[in-house]
Amino acid sequence: IVVGCAASLMVLWPVATLIHGSVSLEDAGGGMVYSLENYADILG
């Protein structure tokens, strides 16, 4: 159980960080907003 939880954390945490970074943008006021604009730019 301990090894399984540790392995899952080592895999899921970087993936979650990557997904969060891909959908988060900084607005004009310095705040954080969520958008799919990055995916649209890539596919365009």
All heavy atoms as atom14 arrays in JSON, in Angstrom:
{
  "sequence": "IVVGCAASLMVLWPVATLIHGSVSLEDAGGGMVYSLENYADILG",
  "atom14_mask": [
    [1, 1, 1, 1, 1, 1, 1, 1, 0, 0, 0, 0, 0, 0],
    [1, 1, 1, 1, 1, 1, 1, 0, 0, 0, 0, 0, 0, 0],
    [1, 1, 1, 1, 1, 1, 1, 0, 0, 0, 0, 0, 0, 0],
    [1, 1, 1, 1, 0, 0, 0, 0, 0, 0, 0, 0, 0, 0],
    [1, 1, 1, 1, 1, 1, 0, 0, 0, 0, 0, 0, 0, 0],
    [1, 1, 1, 1, 1, 0, 0, 0, 0, 0, 0, 0, 0, 0],
    [1, 1, 1, 1, 1, 0, 0, 0, 0, 0, 0, 0, 0, 0],
    [1, 1, 1, 1, 1, 1, 0, 0, 0, 0, 0, 0, 0, 0],
    [1, 1, 1, 1, 1, 1, 1, 1, 0, 0, 0, 0, 0, 0],
    [1, 1, 1, 1, 1, 1, 1, 1, 0, 0, 0, 0, 0, 0],
    [1, 1, 1, 1, 1, 1, 1, 0, 0, 0, 0, 0, 0, 0],
    [1, 1, 1, 1, 1, 1, 1, 1, 0, 0, 0, 0, 0, 0],
    [1, 1, 1, 1, 1, 1, 1, 1, 1, 1, 1, 1, 1, 1],
    [1, 1, 1, 1, 1, 1, 1, 0, 0, 0, 0, 0, 0, 0],
    [1, 1, 1, 1, 1, 1, 1, 0, 0, 0, 0, 0, 0, 0],
    [1, 1, 1, 1, 1, 0, 0, 0, 0, 0, 0, 0, 0, 0],
    [1, 1, 1, 1, 1, 1, 1, 0, 0, 0, 0, 0, 0, 0],
    [1, 1, 1, 1, 1, 1, 1, 1, 0, 0, 0, 0, 0, 0],
    [1, 1, 1, 1, 1, 1, 1, 1, 0, 0, 0, 0, 0, 0],
    [1, 1, 1, 1, 1, 1, 1, 1, 1, 1, 0, 0, 0, 0],
    [1, 1, 1, 1, 0, 0, 0, 0, 0, 0, 0, 0, 0, 0],
    [1, 1, 1, 1, 1, 1, 0, 0, 0, 0, 0, 0, 0, 0],
    [1, 1, 1, 1, 1, 1, 1, 0, 0, 0, 0, 0, 0, 0],
    [1, 1, 1, 1, 1, 1, 0, 0, 0, 0, 0, 0, 0, 0],
    [1, 1, 1, 1, 1, 1, 1, 1, 0, 0, 0, 0, 0, 0],
    [1, 1, 1, 1, 1, 1, 1, 1, 1, 0, 0, 0, 0, 0],
    [1, 1, 1, 1, 1, 1, 1, 1, 0, 0, 0, 0, 0, 0],
    [1, 1, 1, 1, 1, 0, 0, 0, 0, 0, 0, 0, 0, 0],
    [1, 1, 1, 1, 0, 0, 0, 0, 0, 0, 0, 0, 0, 0],
    [1, 1, 1, 1, 0, 0, 0, 0, 0, 0, 0, 0, 0, 0],
    [1, 1, 1, 1, 0, 0, 0, 0, 0, 0, 0, 0, 0, 0],
    [1, 1, 1, 1, 1, 1, 1, 1, 0, 0, 0, 0, 0, 0],
    [1, 1, 1, 1, 1, 1, 1, 0, 0, 0, 0, 0, 0, 0],
    [1, 1, 1, 1, 1, 1, 1, 1, 1, 1, 1, 1, 0, 0],
    [1, 1, 1, 1, 1, 1, 0, 0, 0, 0, 0, 0, 0, 0],
    [1, 1, 1, 1, 1, 1, 1, 1, 0, 0, 0, 0, 0, 0],
    [1, 1, 1, 1, 1, 1, 1, 1, 1, 0, 0, 0, 0, 0],
    [1, 1, 1, 1, 1, 1, 1, 1, 0, 0, 0, 0, 0, 0],
    [1, 1, 1, 1, 1, 1, 1, 1, 1, 1, 1, 1, 0, 0],
    [1, 1, 1, 1, 1, 0, 0, 0, 0, 0, 0, 0, 0, 0],
    [1, 1, 1, 1, 1, 1, 1, 1, 0, 0, 0, 0, 0, 0],
    [1, 1, 1, 1, 1, 1, 1, 1, 0, 0, 0, 0, 0, 0],
    [1, 1, 1, 1, 1, 1, 1, 1, 0, 0, 0, 0, 0, 0],
    [1, 1, 1, 1, 0, 0, 0, 0, 0, 0, 0, 0, 0, 0]
  ],
  "atom14_positions": [
    [[0.83, -1.21, 0.0], [0.0, 0.0, 0.0], [0.86, 1.25, 0.0], [0.62, 2.21, -0.74], [-0.96, -0.02, 1.21], [-2.0, -1.13, 1.03], [-1.64, 1.32, 1.38], [-2.91, -1.31, 2.22], [0.0, 0.0, 0.0], [0.0, 0.0, 0.0], [0.0, 0.0, 0.0], [0.0, 0.0, 0.0], [0.0, 0.0, 0.0], [0.0, 0.0, 0.0]],
    [[1.92, 1.24, 0.83], [2.79, 2.42, 0.9], [3.51, 2.64, -0.43], [3.57, 3.77, -0.95], [3.8, 2.26, 2.06], [4.85, 3.37, 2.0], [3.08, 2.27, 3.4], [0.0, 0.0, 0.0], [0.0, 0.0, 0.0], [0.0, 0.0, 0.0], [0.0, 0.0, 0.0], [0.0, 0.0, 0.0], [0.0, 0.0, 0.0], [0.0, 0.0, 0.0]],
    [[4.05, 1.57, -1.0], [4.77, 1.7, -2.28], [3.8, 2.13, -3.38], [4.13, 2.97, -4.23], [5.48, 0.38, -2.63], [6.03, 0.43, -4.04], [6.58, 0.09, -1.63], [0.0, 0.0, 0.0], [0.0, 0.0, 0.0], [0.0, 0.0, 0.0], [0.0, 0.0, 0.0], [0.0, 0.0, 0.0], [0.0, 0.0, 0.0], [0.0, 0.0, 0.0]],
    [[2.59, 1.56, -3.38], [1.61, 1.93, -4.39], [1.21, 3.39, -4.3], [1.1, 4.09, -5.31], [0.0, 0.0, 0.0], [0.0, 0.0, 0.0], [0.0, 0.0, 0.0], [0.0, 0.0, 0.0], [0.0, 0.0, 0.0], [0.0, 0.0, 0.0], [0.0, 0.0, 0.0], [0.0, 0.0, 0.0], [0.0, 0.0, 0.0], [0.0, 0.0, 0.0]],
    [[0.99, 3.87, -3.08], [0.63, 5.28, -2.89], [1.78, 6.19, -3.3], [1.56, 7.23, -3.94], [0.23, 5.54, -1.44], [-1.32, 4.76, -0.95], [0.0, 0.0, 0.0], [0.0, 0.0, 0.0], [0.0, 0.0, 0.0], [0.0, 0.0, 0.0], [0.0, 0.0, 0.0], [0.0, 0.0, 0.0], [0.0, 0.0, 0.0], [0.0, 0.0, 0.0]],
    [[3.01, 5.82, -2.94], [4.16, 6.65, -3.31], [4.35, 6.69, -4.82], [4.59, 7.76, -5.4], [5.42, 6.12, -2.63], [0.0, 0.0, 0.0], [0.0, 0.0, 0.0], [0.0, 0.0, 0.0], [0.0, 0.0, 0.0], [0.0, 0.0, 0.0], [0.0, 0.0, 0.0], [0.0, 0.0, 0.0], [0.0, 0.0, 0.0], [0.0, 0.0, 0.0]],
    [[4.22, 5.54, -5.48], [4.37, 5.51, -6.94], [3.27, 6.31, -7.62], [3.53, 7.04, -8.58], [4.36, 4.06, -7.43], [0.0, 0.0, 0.0], [0.0, 0.0, 0.0], [0.0, 0.0, 0.0], [0.0, 0.0, 0.0], [0.0, 0.0, 0.0], [0.0, 0.0, 0.0], [0.0, 0.0, 0.0], [0.0, 0.0, 0.0], [0.0, 0.0, 0.0]],
    [[2.04, 6.18, -7.12], [0.93, 6.95, -7.69], [1.16, 8.45, -7.53], [0.9, 9.24, -8.44], [-0.38, 6.55, -7.04], [-0.64, 5.17, -7.22], [0.0, 0.0, 0.0], [0.0, 0.0, 0.0], [0.0, 0.0, 0.0], [0.0, 0.0, 0.0], [0.0, 0.0, 0.0], [0.0, 0.0, 0.0], [0.0, 0.0, 0.0], [0.0, 0.0, 0.0]],
    [[1.67, 8.83, -6.37], [1.93, 10.26, -6.13], [3.03, 10.78, -7.06], [2.91, 11.88, -7.61], [2.33, 10.47, -4.67], [2.55, 11.92, -4.23], [1.25, 12.72, -4.37], [3.04, 11.98, -2.8], [0.0, 0.0, 0.0], [0.0, 0.0, 0.0], [0.0, 0.0, 0.0], [0.0, 0.0, 0.0], [0.0, 0.0, 0.0], [0.0, 0.0, 0.0]],
    [[4.07, 9.98, -7.26], [5.16, 10.41, -8.13], [4.72, 10.54, -9.58], [5.29, 11.31, -10.35], [6.34, 9.45, -8.01], [7.11, 9.57, -6.7], [8.63, 8.6, -6.68], [7.96, 6.94, -6.63], [0.0, 0.0, 0.0], [0.0, 0.0, 0.0], [0.0, 0.0, 0.0], [0.0, 0.0, 0.0], [0.0, 0.0, 0.0], [0.0, 0.0, 0.0]],
    [[3.72, 9.77, -9.98], [3.22, 9.85, -11.35], [2.15, 10.92, -11.5], [2.17, 11.73, -12.43], [2.68, 8.48, -11.8], [1.99, 8.58, -13.15], [3.81, 7.45, -11.86], [0.0, 0.0, 0.0], [0.0, 0.0, 0.0], [0.0, 0.0, 0.0], [0.0, 0.0, 0.0], [0.0, 0.0, 0.0], [0.0, 0.0, 0.0], [0.0, 0.0, 0.0]],
    [[1.19, 10.92, -10.58], [0.03, 11.81, -10.72], [0.35, 13.26, -10.43], [-0.24, 14.16, -11.03], [-1.1, 11.32, -9.81], [-1.68, 9.95, -10.14], [-2.75, 9.57, -9.14], [-2.25, 9.93, -11.55], [0.0, 0.0, 0.0], [0.0, 0.0, 0.0], [0.0, 0.0, 0.0], [0.0, 0.0, 0.0], [0.0, 0.0, 0.0], [0.0, 0.0, 0.0]],
    [[1.27, 13.53, -9.49], [1.56, 14.92, -9.14], [2.17, 15.69, -10.32], [1.7, 16.79, -10.62], [2.48, 14.97, -7.92], [2.81, 16.37, -7.51], [3.98, 17.06, -7.74], [1.95, 17.28, -6.82], [3.91, 18.32, -7.23], [2.67, 18.49, -6.66], [0.66, 17.19, -6.32], [2.13, 19.6, -6.02], [0.12, 18.29, -5.67], [0.85, 19.47, -5.53]],
    [[3.18, 15.17, -11.02], [3.68, 15.92, -12.19], [2.63, 16.06, -13.29], [2.57, 17.1, -13.96], [4.88, 15.08, -12.67], [5.29, 14.28, -11.49], [4.03, 14.0, -10.73], [0.0, 0.0, 0.0], [0.0, 0.0, 0.0], [0.0, 0.0, 0.0], [0.0, 0.0, 0.0], [0.0, 0.0, 0.0], [0.0, 0.0, 0.0], [0.0, 0.0, 0.0]],
    [[1.81, 15.03, -13.49], [0.77, 15.13, -14.52], [-0.24, 16.21, -14.15], [-0.66, 17.02, -14.99], [0.08, 13.76, -14.71], [-1.12, 13.89, -15.63], [1.07, 12.75, -15.27], [0.0, 0.0, 0.0], [0.0, 0.0, 0.0], [0.0, 0.0, 0.0], [0.0, 0.0, 0.0], [0.0, 0.0, 0.0], [0.0, 0.0, 0.0], [0.0, 0.0, 0.0]],
    [[-0.65, 16.22, -12.89], [-1.6, 17.25, -12.45], [-1.0, 18.64, -12.57], [-1.69, 19.6, -12.98], [-2.03, 16.96, -11.01], [0.0, 0.0, 0.0], [0.0, 0.0, 0.0], [0.0, 0.0, 0.0], [0.0, 0.0, 0.0], [0.0, 0.0, 0.0], [0.0, 0.0, 0.0], [0.0, 0.0, 0.0], [0.0, 0.0, 0.0], [0.0, 0.0, 0.0]],
    [[0.29, 18.79, -12.23], [0.95, 20.09, -12.38], [1.0, 20.52, -13.84], [0.77, 21.7, -14.17], [2.37, 20.02, -11.81], [2.31, 19.58, -10.45], [3.06, 21.37, -11.87], [0.0, 0.0, 0.0], [0.0, 0.0, 0.0], [0.0, 0.0, 0.0], [0.0, 0.0, 0.0], [0.0, 0.0, 0.0], [0.0, 0.0, 0.0], [0.0, 0.0, 0.0]],
    [[1.28, 19.57, -14.73], [1.33, 19.88, -16.16], [-0.03, 20.31, -16.68], [-0.15, 21.3, -17.42], [1.85, 18.66, -16.92], [1.99, 18.82, -18.43], [3.06, 19.85, -18.76], [2.33, 17.48, -19.07], [0.0, 0.0, 0.0], [0.0, 0.0, 0.0], [0.0, 0.0, 0.0], [0.0, 0.0, 0.0], [0.0, 0.0, 0.0], [0.0, 0.0, 0.0]],
    [[-1.09, 19.59, -16.3], [-2.43, 19.94, -16.75], [-2.85, 21.3, -16.2], [-3.42, 22.14, -16.92], [-3.43, 18.84, -16.34], [-3.11, 17.54, -17.08], [-4.87, 19.28, -16.63], [-3.95, 16.37, -16.64], [0.0, 0.0, 0.0], [0.0, 0.0, 0.0], [0.0, 0.0, 0.0], [0.0, 0.0, 0.0], [0.0, 0.0, 0.0], [0.0, 0.0, 0.0]],
    [[-2.55, 21.55, -14.93], [-2.9, 22.84, -14.33], [-2.18, 23.98, -15.03], [-2.76, 25.04, -15.31], [-2.56, 22.83, -12.84], [-2.87, 24.13, -12.16], [-1.91, 25.13, -12.01], [-4.01, 24.61, -11.6], [-2.46, 26.16, -11.39], [-3.73, 25.87, -11.12], [0.0, 0.0, 0.0], [0.0, 0.0, 0.0], [0.0, 0.0, 0.0], [0.0, 0.0, 0.0]],
    [[-0.91, 23.81, -15.35], [-0.17, 24.85, -16.04], [-0.66, 25.09, -17.46], [-0.56, 26.2, -17.98], [0.0, 0.0, 0.0], [0.0, 0.0, 0.0], [0.0, 0.0, 0.0], [0.0, 0.0, 0.0], [0.0, 0.0, 0.0], [0.0, 0.0, 0.0], [0.0, 0.0, 0.0], [0.0, 0.0, 0.0], [0.0, 0.0, 0.0], [0.0, 0.0, 0.0]],
    [[-1.2, 24.04, -18.09], [-1.66, 24.19, -19.47], [-2.97, 24.96, -19.58], [-3.27, 25.53, -20.63], [-1.81, 22.82, -20.13], [-2.88, 22.1, -19.55], [0.0, 0.0, 0.0], [0.0, 0.0, 0.0], [0.0, 0.0, 0.0], [0.0, 0.0, 0.0], [0.0, 0.0, 0.0], [0.0, 0.0, 0.0], [0.0, 0.0, 0.0], [0.0, 0.0, 0.0]],
    [[-3.77, 24.98, -18.52], [-5.07, 25.66, -18.58], [-5.09, 26.94, -17.76], [-6.13, 27.6, -17.68], [-6.2, 24.73, -18.08], [-6.34, 23.52, -18.99], [-5.97, 24.29, -16.64], [0.0, 0.0, 0.0], [0.0, 0.0, 0.0], [0.0, 0.0, 0.0], [0.0, 0.0, 0.0], [0.0, 0.0, 0.0], [0.0, 0.0, 0.0], [0.0, 0.0, 0.0]],
    [[-3.98, 27.32, -17.15], [-3.95, 28.54, -16.34], [-3.21, 29.64, -17.08], [-2.16, 29.41, -17.69], [-3.27, 28.25, -15.0], [-1.95, 27.78, -15.2], [0.0, 0.0, 0.0], [0.0, 0.0, 0.0], [0.0, 0.0, 0.0], [0.0, 0.0, 0.0], [0.0, 0.0, 0.0], [0.0, 0.0, 0.0], [0.0, 0.0, 0.0], [0.0, 0.0, 0.0]],
    [[-3.78, 30.84, -17.05], [-3.21, 32.01, -17.68], [-3.18, 33.16, -16.68], [-4.0, 33.21, -15.75], [-4.01, 32.42, -18.91], [-4.07, 31.43, -20.08], [-5.05, 31.92, -21.13], [-2.69, 31.23, -20.69], [0.0, 0.0, 0.0], [0.0, 0.0, 0.0], [0.0, 0.0, 0.0], [0.0, 0.0, 0.0], [0.0, 0.0, 0.0], [0.0, 0.0, 0.0]],
    [[-2.28, 34.1, -16.89], [-2.2, 35.27, -16.04], [-2.92, 36.43, -16.73], [-2.63, 36.76, -17.88], [-0.73, 35.64, -15.79], [-0.55, 36.79, -14.81], [0.9, 37.06, -14.5], [1.75, 36.24, -14.91], [1.19, 38.09, -13.86], [0.0, 0.0, 0.0], [0.0, 0.0, 0.0], [0.0, 0.0, 0.0], [0.0, 0.0, 0.0], [0.0, 0.0, 0.0]],
    [[-3.87, 37.01, -16.03], [-4.63, 38.11, -16.62], [-3.88, 39.44, -16.45], [-2.76, 39.49, -15.93], [-6.03, 38.2, -16.0], [-5.98, 38.42, -14.49], [-4.87, 38.68, -13.97], [-7.05, 38.31, -13.85], [0.0, 0.0, 0.0], [0.0, 0.0, 0.0], [0.0, 0.0, 0.0], [0.0, 0.0, 0.0], [0.0, 0.0, 0.0], [0.0, 0.0, 0.0]],
    [[-4.5, 40.53, -16.92], [-3.85, 41.84, -16.9], [-3.55, 42.32, -15.48], [-2.58, 43.03, -15.24], [-4.71, 42.88, -17.63], [0.0, 0.0, 0.0], [0.0, 0.0, 0.0], [0.0, 0.0, 0.0], [0.0, 0.0, 0.0], [0.0, 0.0, 0.0], [0.0, 0.0, 0.0], [0.0, 0.0, 0.0], [0.0, 0.0, 0.0], [0.0, 0.0, 0.0]],
    [[-4.38, 41.92, -14.53], [-4.19, 42.35, -13.15], [-3.22, 41.49, -12.37], [-3.04, 41.71, -11.16], [0.0, 0.0, 0.0], [0.0, 0.0, 0.0], [0.0, 0.0, 0.0], [0.0, 0.0, 0.0], [0.0, 0.0, 0.0], [0.0, 0.0, 0.0], [0.0, 0.0, 0.0], [0.0, 0.0, 0.0], [0.0, 0.0, 0.0], [0.0, 0.0, 0.0]],
    [[-2.6, 40.51, -13.0], [-1.66, 39.64, -12.31], [-2.32, 38.45, -11.65], [-1.64, 37.66, -11.0], [0.0, 0.0, 0.0], [0.0, 0.0, 0.0], [0.0, 0.0, 0.0], [0.0, 0.0, 0.0], [0.0, 0.0, 0.0], [0.0, 0.0, 0.0], [0.0, 0.0, 0.0], [0.0, 0.0, 0.0], [0.0, 0.0, 0.0], [0.0, 0.0, 0.0]],
    [[-3.64, 38.3, -11.81], [-4.33, 37.16, -11.25], [-4.28, 35.95, -12.17], [-3.75, 36.0, -13.29], [0.0, 0.0, 0.0], [0.0, 0.0, 0.0], [0.0, 0.0, 0.0], [0.0, 0.0, 0.0], [0.0, 0.0, 0.0], [0.0, 0.0, 0.0], [0.0, 0.0, 0.0], [0.0, 0.0, 0.0], [0.0, 0.0, 0.0], [0.0, 0.0, 0.0]],
    [[-4.81, 34.85, -11.68], [-4.79, 33.6, -12.43], [-6.19, 33.29, -12.94], [-7.16, 33.33, -12.18], [-4.31, 32.46, -11.53], [-4.04, 31.16, -12.27], [-2.58, 31.25, -13.33], [-1.28, 31.44, -12.1], [0.0, 0.0, 0.0], [0.0, 0.0, 0.0], [0.0, 0.0, 0.0], [0.0, 0.0, 0.0], [0.0, 0.0, 0.0], [0.0, 0.0, 0.0]],
    [[-6.3, 33.02, -14.23], [-7.57, 32.62, -14.84], [-7.35, 31.3, -15.56], [-6.22, 30.95, -15.94], [-8.08, 33.69, -15.83], [-8.43, 34.98, -15.1], [-7.08, 33.94, -16.94], [0.0, 0.0, 0.0], [0.0, 0.0, 0.0], [0.0, 0.0, 0.0], [0.0, 0.0, 0.0], [0.0, 0.0, 0.0], [0.0, 0.0, 0.0], [0.0, 0.0, 0.0]],
    [[-8.43, 30.56, -15.75], [-8.36, 29.27, -16.42], [-9.0, 29.38, -17.79], [-10.1, 29.92, -17.94], [-9.05, 28.2, -15.58], [-8.36, 27.95, -14.26], [-8.82, 28.54, -13.09], [-7.23, 27.15, -14.21], [-8.17, 28.32, -11.88], [-6.56, 26.93, -13.01], [-7.04, 27.52, -11.85], [-6.39, 27.31, -10.66], [0.0, 0.0, 0.0], [0.0, 0.0, 0.0]],
    [[-8.29, 28.85, -18.79], [-8.76, 28.96, -20.16], [-8.13, 27.85, -21.0], [-7.07, 27.3, -20.64], [-8.41, 30.34, -20.75], [-8.68, 30.38, -22.13], [0.0, 0.0, 0.0], [0.0, 0.0, 0.0], [0.0, 0.0, 0.0], [0.0, 0.0, 0.0], [0.0, 0.0, 0.0], [0.0, 0.0, 0.0], [0.0, 0.0, 0.0], [0.0, 0.0, 0.0]],
    [[-8.77, 27.54, -22.12], [-8.23, 26.57, -23.07], [-7.5, 27.27, -24.22], [-7.29, 26.67, -25.28], [-9.37, 25.7, -23.62], [-10.1, 24.83, -22.6], [-11.24, 24.08, -23.27], [-9.15, 23.86, -21.92], [0.0, 0.0, 0.0], [0.0, 0.0, 0.0], [0.0, 0.0, 0.0], [0.0, 0.0, 0.0], [0.0, 0.0, 0.0], [0.0, 0.0, 0.0]],
    [[-7.1, 28.5, -24.02], [-6.45, 29.28, -25.07], [-5.13, 28.65, -25.51], [-4.77, 28.69, -26.69], [-6.23, 30.71, -24.59], [-5.66, 31.64, -25.65], [-5.5, 33.06, -25.13], [-6.12, 33.39, -24.1], [-4.75, 33.82, -25.77], [0.0, 0.0, 0.0], [0.0, 0.0, 0.0], [0.0, 0.0, 0.0], [0.0, 0.0, 0.0], [0.0, 0.0, 0.0]],
    [[-4.4, 28.07, -24.57], [-3.13, 27.43, -24.93], [-3.34, 26.28, -25.9], [-2.58, 26.11, -26.85], [-2.42, 26.93, -23.67], [-1.92, 28.06, -22.8], [-1.59, 29.13, -23.29], [-1.89, 27.85, -21.49], [0.0, 0.0, 0.0], [0.0, 0.0, 0.0], [0.0, 0.0, 0.0], [0.0, 0.0, 0.0], [0.0, 0.0, 0.0], [0.0, 0.0, 0.0]],
    [[-4.38, 25.48, -25.67], [-4.67, 24.36, -26.57], [-5.1, 24.88, -27.93], [-4.75, 24.29, -28.97], [-5.75, 23.48, -25.96], [-5.29, 22.7, -24.76], [-5.53, 23.17, -23.47], [-4.61, 21.51, -24.9], [-5.1, 22.46, -22.36], [-4.18, 20.79, -23.81], [-4.42, 21.27, -22.53], [-3.99, 20.57, -21.44], [0.0, 0.0, 0.0], [0.0, 0.0, 0.0]],
    [[-5.88, 25.96, -27.96], [-6.29, 26.54, -29.23], [-5.09, 27.05, -30.02], [-5.02, 26.9, -31.25], [-7.3, 27.66, -28.99], [0.0, 0.0, 0.0], [0.0, 0.0, 0.0], [0.0, 0.0, 0.0], [0.0, 0.0, 0.0], [0.0, 0.0, 0.0], [0.0, 0.0, 0.0], [0.0, 0.0, 0.0], [0.0, 0.0, 0.0], [0.0, 0.0, 0.0]],
    [[-4.13, 27.66, -29.33], [-2.93, 28.15, -30.01], [-2.12, 27.0, -30.6], [-1.6, 27.09, -31.72], [-2.06, 28.94, -29.03], [-2.69, 30.26, -28.63], [-3.59, 30.72, -29.36], [-2.3, 30.82, -27.58], [0.0, 0.0, 0.0], [0.0, 0.0, 0.0], [0.0, 0.0, 0.0], [0.0, 0.0, 0.0], [0.0, 0.0, 0.0], [0.0, 0.0, 0.0]],
    [[-2.02, 25.91, -29.85], [-1.25, 24.76, -30.34], [-1.92, 24.14, -31.56], [-1.29, 23.88, -32.59], [-1.08, 23.72, -29.21], [-0.13, 24.27, -28.15], [-0.56, 22.4, -29.77], [0.01, 23.36, -26.96], [0.0, 0.0, 0.0], [0.0, 0.0, 0.0], [0.0, 0.0, 0.0], [0.0, 0.0, 0.0], [0.0, 0.0, 0.0], [0.0, 0.0, 0.0]],
    [[-3.22, 23.9, -31.46], [-3.92, 23.26, -32.58], [-4.05, 24.2, -33.77], [-4.27, 23.74, -34.89], [-5.31, 22.81, -32.11], [-5.31, 21.71, -31.04], [-6.72, 21.39, -30.61], [-4.61, 20.46, -31.56], [0.0, 0.0, 0.0], [0.0, 0.0, 0.0], [0.0, 0.0, 0.0], [0.0, 0.0, 0.0], [0.0, 0.0, 0.0], [0.0, 0.0, 0.0]],
    [[-3.93, 25.49, -33.56], [-3.99, 26.43, -34.67], [-2.69, 26.54, -35.44], [-2.67, 27.12, -36.53], [0.0, 0.0, 0.0], [0.0, 0.0, 0.0], [0.0, 0.0, 0.0], [0.0, 0.0, 0.0], [0.0, 0.0, 0.0], [0.0, 0.0, 0.0], [0.0, 0.0, 0.0], [0.0, 0.0, 0.0], [0.0, 0.0, 0.0], [0.0, 0.0, 0.0]]
  ]
}
